[in-house]
Amino acid sequence: MMIRPRPTIVCGVLLVTAALSRAQQGTEGQFADPDFKPAIAKPAYVREHPVIALDEAHANFHTVAGRYKPFADLLRADGYRVVPGTEPFTSRSLSNTRVLVISNAVGTQFKPVDPPSAFTDAECDAVRDWVRSGGSLLLIADHTPFGATAAALAERFGVEMGKGYAWTPDPATHEPTFTIAYTHESGLSKDHPITRGVQKVVAFTGQSLSIPPGGTALLKFVDPSYESLPATAEADQIAFRTGKPVAARKITNRAQAVAFDSGKGRVVMTGEAAMFSAQVIRFTDQGKLVESKMGMNVPGNDNQTFLLNIMHWLTRR
C-alpha cells in the first residue's frame, strides 16, 4: 500500500485513510500519478466491453477516481467498461458484473485493533455463490489491516490471509526489504496463462496468502521470507540484520498471488495492492520534501502485463 524508508514509519501506516485523503489536497500525500498514461496497441476488447466493477461500497482505500485511477485507465484502454461498485454485494447488485474487483476494503465499522470484516456474512455468501455460478473475482488485500478486513471473504474460497507485513532480504544487498521482486527464478510461476510474457513482478509491501487446494501460486515467497506483526516489524528486521533468531512468522512457500477455479467461476487473490496502481508519494523527511513512485509507473517491472493477463484470464479471453 504505502512505503517509506524507515520501518518505524512503515509500521505506523496502518490505516489513515482520512488523513491521507486530506493530504492529497496539499503538498504531501499518496495519490495517483497524473503522468501515468497507459498505451495499448491492440485492445483485447473492441466490440464487447466486459463490465469491471471496482468496489467502493466498503470504505475502500483504492477507488476508480482515486488511487486506482491508473488501474481503471489501463483496463479501459484494453476495452473494458470500469464502473464504481457502490452497492452492498447481493445476487442482484452483481448480476450485470463480469469481474468484481475489491481492493483494500475497510468497512464502515473499522477499528485499528482486531478490525472486523469489511463485509457482512450475507455479502460474503453472495460473492461466493455468484462466483460459483460463473462470476469472476479479483480480491486484493494488502498488509495490516486489510488482511483482517478481507479474511472472512477469502475464507469462503479456502484462502487464509497472513494479516501482517511481508518482507524478505534484498537479493543484492541482503538488507530486509518490503519491496519484493518476483522472477521465474524467484517465485514467479512459469506454468500459468497469467504469467505468459511476464518476466518480473514487483510488489510493494503486502501480506501472505495460503494456496488453496487446486490453486496456482502466481507469486510465491522464496526462502527466507517473513511476515511481521505491526508492533514487531522493526525488531524482527533488526534481529535479521544482526544474525539473531527472527520471531516473525516464516512464510516460505506461501503466496502473494493465487489463481483458481471456483465452481463455474474464477478467482485471483493478491496480498498486495500497489503493484496494480501507479502512485506518487510525497512526505517530509528531516525537513526535506521527498517524492517516490510506486506501482506500474516504476521502471523495470511487468506489472502492467501481469494485470492485463489477470483480467484476460478472469474474462476467459
Foldseek 3Di string as FASTA:
>chain_A
DDDDDDLLVVLVPADPLVVQVVCVVDDFHKWFDPPDADDDPAAPDDPDAAEEEEEDQQVASDDCPIQLVLLVNLSVNNRHHYDYQRDQAACVSCVRHQEYEYAQGAAPQADQPQGAASHDPRSLVRVLVVQLVAHEYEYEAFEHPRQSNCQVSVVSVPKGWQRFKKWAQDPVPRQIFQKDKDAPVAFADPPDQLCVVFGIFIFRIFTWMAAGVQKDARGFHAPFMFGDHSVCPNVQRVCSVVVHDRPTHGRGGTHQWMKHGRNNAIYIYGRGDQQSGWMWGWDADPRDIDIDITHPPDPDGPSSSSSVSVVCVRSVD
